[in-house]
């Protein structure tokens, strides 16, 4: 089996549209979000608490990927049979299941982009241990655009599903820049421990503003064709077999915003200087990461220490932004 390609990024970093664009290359295939390889086996996947909290039988993308392989259609019946197939193969390790999915699309190279893969450096190391020759694409987006998009996404989801427990912590709630920072810090640490030839960092903004310049470079690094026909096919992510809403039991598998309008739409480049990023994060108390604790404290000394810590957190965010080449 050919070694897979993993796209690493925080949520809301253009990962659905970019992975679908890359996956439309004739020599590549992009799965929806499988939420698979950080778990041990299929039993673990099916018994996950997230299935209960999200009122689902199994991850939508996984059911749709299996239905597509088995029946070349993704409807209620085929996805139900995909779930029954999983239930009958509970002892399969997640690596065995992922290999099964990839082999069904040989000789194409398969792409996986589940955001959960980047939740911790241990999960990324696990991917590398499973597939030591795999390619890792680090997809980036400026902290400003990412924070705005994360805020929009979680506010919409919370209004429909209730606030997620992970976002109730005072250092995380409304501080989306910290979520962005933590994920990129882990990815950069992971980059430092794997061979440089396995790792490529790409700005999402560059792909969406200069596709004819950036996509051939990505293809060359992946070792696939860079001809004009292949690049043109990549500019039609709407042709992905997962660029539409699935049945009720497996509705998504990709960002709903992308699925609603999956056509490629060139974007205008937005450049932010370090001062503009600082101004954005400071506006409306966005960078006041310790505001909750400051409001609870009556000690001037404690407040002073918290304010210093707050400033340190802001500088850490700005440092990662600079390392990624944005400011």
Protein backbone atom coordinates (compact mmCIF):
# COMPACT_ATOMS: atom_id res chain seq x y z
CA UNK A 1 0.00 0.00 0.00
CA UNK A 2 1.23 3.50 -0.82
CA UNK A 3 1.97 5.69 2.16
CA UNK A 4 -0.87 8.12 2.98
CA UNK A 5 -0.89 11.90 3.21
CA UNK A 6 -2.03 13.60 6.43
CA UNK A 7 -3.18 17.20 6.48
CA UNK A 8 -2.46 18.82 9.86
CA UNK A 9 -4.17 22.02 10.98
CA UNK A 10 -6.35 23.54 13.68
CA UNK A 11 -10.08 23.64 12.98
CA UNK A 12 -11.27 26.39 10.63
CA UNK A 13 -8.06 26.59 8.60
CA UNK A 14 -9.57 25.94 5.14
CA UNK A 15 -8.88 22.22 5.66
CA UNK A 16 -12.12 20.94 4.08
CA UNK A 17 -11.81 22.98 0.89
CA UNK A 18 -8.03 22.55 0.60
CA UNK A 19 -8.07 18.78 1.20
CA UNK A 20 -10.90 18.43 -1.32
CA UNK A 21 -8.96 20.52 -3.84
CA UNK A 22 -5.85 18.37 -3.44
CA UNK A 23 -7.94 15.21 -3.46
CA UNK A 24 -9.36 16.00 -6.91
CA UNK A 25 -5.96 15.38 -8.47
CA UNK A 26 -6.31 12.25 -10.67
CA UNK A 27 -3.60 10.46 -8.67
CA UNK A 28 -4.96 11.38 -5.23
CA UNK A 29 -8.06 10.59 -3.15
CA UNK A 30 -9.29 12.55 -0.15
CA UNK A 31 -11.40 10.93 2.56
CA UNK A 32 -13.84 12.90 4.66
CA UNK A 33 -12.98 13.23 8.35
CA UNK A 34 -12.63 9.64 9.59
CA UNK A 35 -11.90 10.36 13.29
CA UNK A 36 -10.13 7.05 13.39
CA UNK A 37 -6.39 6.63 13.92
CA UNK A 38 -6.01 7.98 17.47
CA UNK A 39 -8.29 5.17 18.64
CA UNK A 40 -7.19 1.57 19.06
CA UNK A 41 -9.84 -0.48 17.30
CA UNK A 42 -13.30 -0.38 15.75
CA UNK A 43 -14.88 -1.23 19.10
CA UNK A 44 -13.31 1.94 20.51
CA UNK A 45 -14.62 3.96 17.54
CA UNK A 46 -18.19 2.69 17.94
CA UNK A 47 -18.25 3.09 21.73
CA UNK A 48 -16.80 6.60 21.75
CA UNK A 49 -18.59 9.12 23.96
CA UNK A 50 -18.57 11.59 21.08
CA UNK A 51 -21.07 9.35 19.27
CA UNK A 52 -23.47 9.89 22.17
CA UNK A 53 -22.91 13.63 22.53
CA UNK A 54 -23.34 14.12 18.78
CA UNK A 55 -26.28 11.68 18.49
CA UNK A 56 -24.63 9.46 15.90
CA UNK A 57 -23.86 5.76 15.38
CA UNK A 58 -20.28 6.40 14.21
CA UNK A 59 -18.35 9.29 12.65
CA UNK A 60 -20.25 10.52 9.59
CA UNK A 61 -17.17 10.62 7.39
CA UNK A 62 -16.25 7.03 8.25
CA UNK A 63 -19.72 5.70 7.42
CA UNK A 64 -19.78 7.64 4.15
CA UNK A 65 -16.29 6.47 3.16
CA UNK A 66 -17.23 2.81 3.72
CA UNK A 67 -20.57 3.20 1.92
CA UNK A 68 -18.79 4.80 -1.03
CA UNK A 69 -16.33 1.89 -1.27
CA UNK A 70 -18.92 -0.87 -0.84
CA UNK A 71 -21.81 0.54 -2.86
CA UNK A 72 -20.59 3.73 -4.61
CA UNK A 73 -23.53 5.59 -3.11
CA UNK A 74 -24.13 7.34 0.22
CA UNK A 75 -27.75 7.12 1.30
CA UNK A 76 -29.55 5.94 4.42
CA UNK A 77 -29.50 2.30 3.34
CA UNK A 78 -25.84 2.16 2.31
CA UNK A 79 -24.68 4.04 5.41
CA UNK A 80 -26.75 1.72 7.61
CA UNK A 81 -25.05 -1.25 6.00
CA UNK A 82 -21.68 0.48 6.49
CA UNK A 83 -22.44 0.73 10.22
CA UNK A 84 -23.45 -2.95 10.35
CA UNK A 85 -20.20 -3.85 8.57
CA UNK A 86 -18.28 -1.94 11.26
CA UNK A 87 -20.28 -3.67 14.00
CA UNK A 88 -19.30 -7.03 12.50
CA UNK A 89 -15.61 -6.04 12.42
CA UNK A 90 -15.21 -4.62 15.92
CA UNK A 91 -11.91 -6.39 16.49
CA UNK A 92 -10.19 -4.68 13.55
CA UNK A 93 -7.49 -2.24 14.65
CA UNK A 94 -7.96 1.28 13.36
CA UNK A 95 -4.76 0.92 11.34
CA UNK A 96 -6.14 -2.22 9.68
CA UNK A 97 -9.37 -0.40 8.89
CA UNK A 98 -7.53 2.61 7.47
CA UNK A 99 -5.36 0.31 5.33
CA UNK A 100 -8.54 -1.37 4.07
CA UNK A 101 -9.98 2.00 3.05
CA UNK A 102 -6.77 3.08 1.32
CA UNK A 103 -6.31 -0.20 -0.59
CA UNK A 104 -9.79 0.25 -2.07
CA UNK A 105 -8.52 3.34 -3.90
CA UNK A 106 -5.12 2.08 -5.06
CA UNK A 107 -3.04 3.17 -6.91
CA UNK A 108 -4.16 6.61 -5.73
CA UNK A 109 -2.51 8.17 -2.69
CA UNK A 110 -5.05 8.75 0.07
CA UNK A 111 -5.43 11.94 2.13
CA UNK A 112 -6.81 12.13 5.69
CA UNK A 113 -7.52 15.42 7.45
CA UNK A 114 -9.46 14.78 10.68
CA UNK A 115 -8.84 17.76 13.03
CA UNK A 116 -8.59 15.33 15.95
CA UNK A 117 -5.26 14.09 14.59
CA UNK A 118 -3.66 17.33 15.79
CA UNK A 119 -5.27 17.38 19.25
CA UNK A 120 -1.93 16.37 20.76
CA UNK A 121 1.61 15.66 19.62
CA UNK A 122 1.18 12.05 20.81
CA UNK A 123 -1.53 11.54 18.20
CA UNK A 124 0.72 12.87 15.43
CA UNK A 125 3.62 10.69 16.59
CA UNK A 126 1.22 7.73 16.48
CA UNK A 127 0.49 8.53 12.81
CA UNK A 128 4.21 8.64 12.07
CA UNK A 129 4.82 5.32 13.84
CA UNK A 130 2.02 3.73 11.82
CA UNK A 131 3.24 5.23 8.54
CA UNK A 132 6.91 6.30 8.75
CA UNK A 133 7.02 7.25 5.06
CA UNK A 134 3.79 9.25 5.14
CA UNK A 135 3.69 12.86 3.95
CA UNK A 136 2.46 15.55 6.34
CA UNK A 137 1.05 18.82 5.03
CA UNK A 138 0.89 21.55 7.68
CA UNK A 139 -1.94 23.84 6.58
CA UNK A 140 -1.87 27.30 8.16
CA UNK A 141 -4.14 30.31 8.43
CA UNK A 142 -3.51 33.64 10.10
CA UNK A 143 -4.62 33.84 13.74
CA UNK A 144 -6.96 36.70 12.84
CA UNK A 145 -8.94 34.82 10.19
CA UNK A 146 -8.82 31.59 12.15
CA UNK A 147 -10.07 33.21 15.38
CA UNK A 148 -12.97 34.90 13.59
CA UNK A 149 -13.95 31.64 11.92
CA UNK A 150 -13.64 29.60 15.13
CA UNK A 151 -15.84 32.08 16.96
CA UNK A 152 -18.49 31.91 14.23
CA UNK A 153 -18.34 28.10 14.10
CA UNK A 154 -18.59 27.43 17.85
CA UNK A 155 -21.28 30.05 18.44
CA UNK A 156 -23.38 28.43 15.72
CA UNK A 157 -22.74 24.92 17.06
CA UNK A 158 -23.39 25.90 20.66
CA UNK A 159 -26.70 27.50 19.68
CA UNK A 160 -27.78 24.15 18.21
CA UNK A 161 -26.10 21.61 20.52
CA UNK A 162 -25.29 23.46 23.72
CA UNK A 163 -21.89 24.61 24.88
CA UNK A 164 -19.12 22.05 24.61
CA UNK A 165 -17.53 21.07 27.89
CA UNK A 166 -14.04 21.67 26.47
CA UNK A 167 -14.91 25.31 25.80
CA UNK A 168 -16.20 26.10 29.30
CA UNK A 169 -12.73 26.53 30.78
CA UNK A 170 -12.12 30.26 31.36
CA UNK A 171 -8.78 30.16 29.56
CA UNK A 172 -10.43 28.73 26.41
CA UNK A 173 -13.93 30.20 26.25
CA UNK A 174 -13.89 33.11 23.77
CA UNK A 175 -10.08 32.87 23.51
CA UNK A 176 -9.94 31.15 20.16
CA UNK A 177 -6.40 32.41 19.56
CA UNK A 178 -5.23 30.07 22.33
CA UNK A 179 -6.79 27.08 20.56
CA UNK A 180 -5.02 28.16 17.36
CA UNK A 181 -1.75 28.64 19.25
CA UNK A 182 -1.82 25.29 21.06
CA UNK A 183 -2.48 23.32 17.87
CA UNK A 184 0.21 25.01 15.81
CA UNK A 185 2.72 24.72 18.65
CA UNK A 186 2.16 20.95 18.74
CA UNK A 187 2.44 20.67 14.95
CA UNK A 188 5.69 22.66 14.91
CA UNK A 189 7.09 20.44 17.67
CA UNK A 190 6.09 17.38 15.65
CA UNK A 191 7.86 18.84 12.61
CA UNK A 192 11.10 19.02 14.58
CA UNK A 193 11.20 15.26 15.22
CA UNK A 194 10.41 13.82 11.77
CA UNK A 195 12.50 13.92 8.59
CA UNK A 196 12.20 17.29 6.80
CA UNK A 197 11.40 15.46 3.55
CA UNK A 198 8.16 14.18 5.12
CA UNK A 199 6.84 17.63 6.03
CA UNK A 200 5.51 20.59 4.03
CA UNK A 201 4.03 23.83 5.40
CA UNK A 202 1.53 25.61 3.16
CA UNK A 203 -0.52 28.74 3.77
CA UNK A 204 -4.19 28.13 3.10
CA UNK A 205 -4.51 31.73 1.93
CA UNK A 206 -1.86 31.11 -0.75
CA UNK A 207 -3.70 28.10 -2.15
CA UNK A 208 -6.95 30.06 -2.39
CA UNK A 209 -5.41 33.21 -3.87
CA UNK A 210 -2.69 31.74 -6.12
CA UNK A 211 -3.78 28.18 -6.95
CA UNK A 212 -1.98 27.95 -10.29
CA UNK A 213 1.28 28.88 -8.58
CA UNK A 214 0.97 26.88 -5.34
CA UNK A 215 -0.79 23.68 -6.40
CA UNK A 216 1.95 22.57 -8.85
CA UNK A 217 4.51 22.98 -6.03
CA UNK A 218 2.44 20.75 -3.75
CA UNK A 219 2.01 18.17 -6.52
CA UNK A 220 5.75 18.13 -7.24
CA UNK A 221 6.48 17.55 -3.53
CA UNK A 222 3.94 14.71 -3.45
CA UNK A 223 5.47 13.15 -6.55
CA UNK A 224 2.34 13.39 -8.73
CA UNK A 225 1.69 15.00 -12.09
CA UNK A 226 1.89 18.78 -12.38
CA UNK A 227 0.30 18.98 -15.83
CA UNK A 228 -2.35 21.56 -16.62
CA UNK A 229 -5.19 19.03 -16.81
CA UNK A 230 -4.47 17.74 -13.30
CA UNK A 231 -4.31 21.26 -11.85
CA UNK A 232 -7.59 22.17 -13.54
CA UNK A 233 -9.29 19.12 -12.03
CA UNK A 234 -8.05 20.16 -8.59
CA UNK A 235 -9.95 23.44 -8.95
CA UNK A 236 -13.26 21.56 -8.81
CA UNK A 237 -13.61 20.43 -5.18
CA UNK A 238 -17.38 20.25 -5.78
CA UNK A 239 -16.68 17.00 -7.68
CA UNK A 240 -15.53 15.28 -4.49
CA UNK A 241 -17.80 12.33 -3.60
CA UNK A 242 -18.23 13.96 -0.18
CA UNK A 243 -19.03 17.54 -1.29
CA UNK A 244 -22.72 17.24 -0.38
CA UNK A 245 -24.75 16.52 2.73
CA UNK A 246 -25.19 12.84 3.46
CA UNK A 247 -28.22 11.05 4.93
CA UNK A 248 -29.52 11.85 8.40
CA UNK A 249 -27.38 9.19 10.10
CA UNK A 250 -24.20 10.50 8.43
CA UNK A 251 -24.83 14.08 7.35
CA UNK A 252 -21.39 15.66 7.22
CA UNK A 253 -17.81 14.43 7.37
CA UNK A 254 -16.58 17.82 6.24
CA UNK A 255 -17.16 21.42 7.28
CA UNK A 256 -20.90 22.15 6.76
CA UNK A 257 -19.99 25.59 5.39
CA UNK A 258 -17.89 23.94 2.67
CA UNK A 259 -20.56 21.34 1.90
CA UNK A 260 -23.18 24.08 1.49
CA UNK A 261 -21.10 25.79 -1.20
CA UNK A 262 -18.22 23.53 -2.29
CA UNK A 263 -17.21 25.31 -5.51
CA UNK A 264 -13.74 26.85 -5.61
CA UNK A 265 -13.93 30.59 -5.01
CA UNK A 266 -10.67 32.55 -5.29
CA UNK A 267 -10.19 34.80 -2.29
CA UNK A 268 -8.45 38.14 -2.02
CA UNK A 269 -5.23 38.00 -0.06
CA UNK A 270 -5.39 39.69 3.34
CA UNK A 271 -2.05 40.64 4.81
CA UNK A 272 -1.72 41.50 8.50
CA UNK A 273 1.27 43.25 10.02
CA UNK A 274 2.32 42.30 13.54
CA UNK A 275 0.80 45.54 14.81
CA UNK A 276 -2.50 44.81 13.07
CA UNK A 277 -2.58 41.33 14.63
CA UNK A 278 -1.80 42.81 18.04
CA UNK A 279 -4.50 45.44 17.58
CA UNK A 280 -7.06 42.79 16.60
CA UNK A 281 -6.23 40.56 19.56
CA UNK A 282 -6.35 43.51 21.94
CA UNK A 283 -9.69 44.80 20.67
CA UNK A 284 -12.74 43.98 22.77
CA UNK A 285 -10.49 42.31 25.36
CA UNK A 286 -9.69 39.48 22.94
CA UNK A 287 -6.18 39.11 24.30
CA UNK A 288 -7.24 39.32 27.91
CA UNK A 289 -6.78 35.59 28.32
CA UNK A 290 -6.81 35.88 32.12
CA UNK A 291 -9.80 38.22 32.36
CA UNK A 292 -11.89 35.62 34.23
CA UNK A 293 -9.26 35.26 36.97
CA UNK A 294 -8.59 39.00 37.15
CA UNK A 295 -12.30 39.63 37.76
CA UNK A 296 -12.29 37.04 40.56
CA UNK A 297 -9.16 38.39 42.25
CA UNK A 298 -9.07 41.13 44.92
CA UNK A 299 -5.29 41.17 45.39
CA UNK A 300 -3.35 43.86 43.51
CA UNK A 301 -0.30 41.59 43.46
CA UNK A 302 -2.31 38.72 41.94
CA UNK A 303 -3.87 41.03 39.37
CA UNK A 304 -0.44 42.32 38.40
CA UNK A 305 0.89 38.78 37.95
CA UNK A 306 -2.16 37.82 35.89
CA UNK A 307 -1.71 40.86 33.66
CA UNK A 308 1.94 39.93 33.11
CA UNK A 309 0.90 36.38 32.28
CA UNK A 310 -1.71 37.73 29.90
CA UNK A 311 0.94 39.75 28.08
CA UNK A 312 3.20 36.70 27.90
CA UNK A 313 0.40 34.65 26.31
CA UNK A 314 -0.17 37.40 23.74
CA UNK A 315 3.53 37.41 22.82
CA UNK A 316 3.51 33.61 22.44
CA UNK A 317 0.60 33.83 20.00
CA UNK A 318 2.39 36.55 18.04
CA UNK A 319 5.58 34.49 17.98
CA UNK A 320 3.83 31.50 16.39
CA UNK A 321 2.17 33.86 13.88
CA UNK A 322 5.63 35.10 12.92
CA UNK A 323 7.08 31.56 12.73
CA UNK A 324 4.32 30.67 10.28
CA UNK A 325 5.34 33.60 8.10
CA UNK A 326 2.40 35.90 8.64
CA UNK A 327 3.82 38.86 10.56
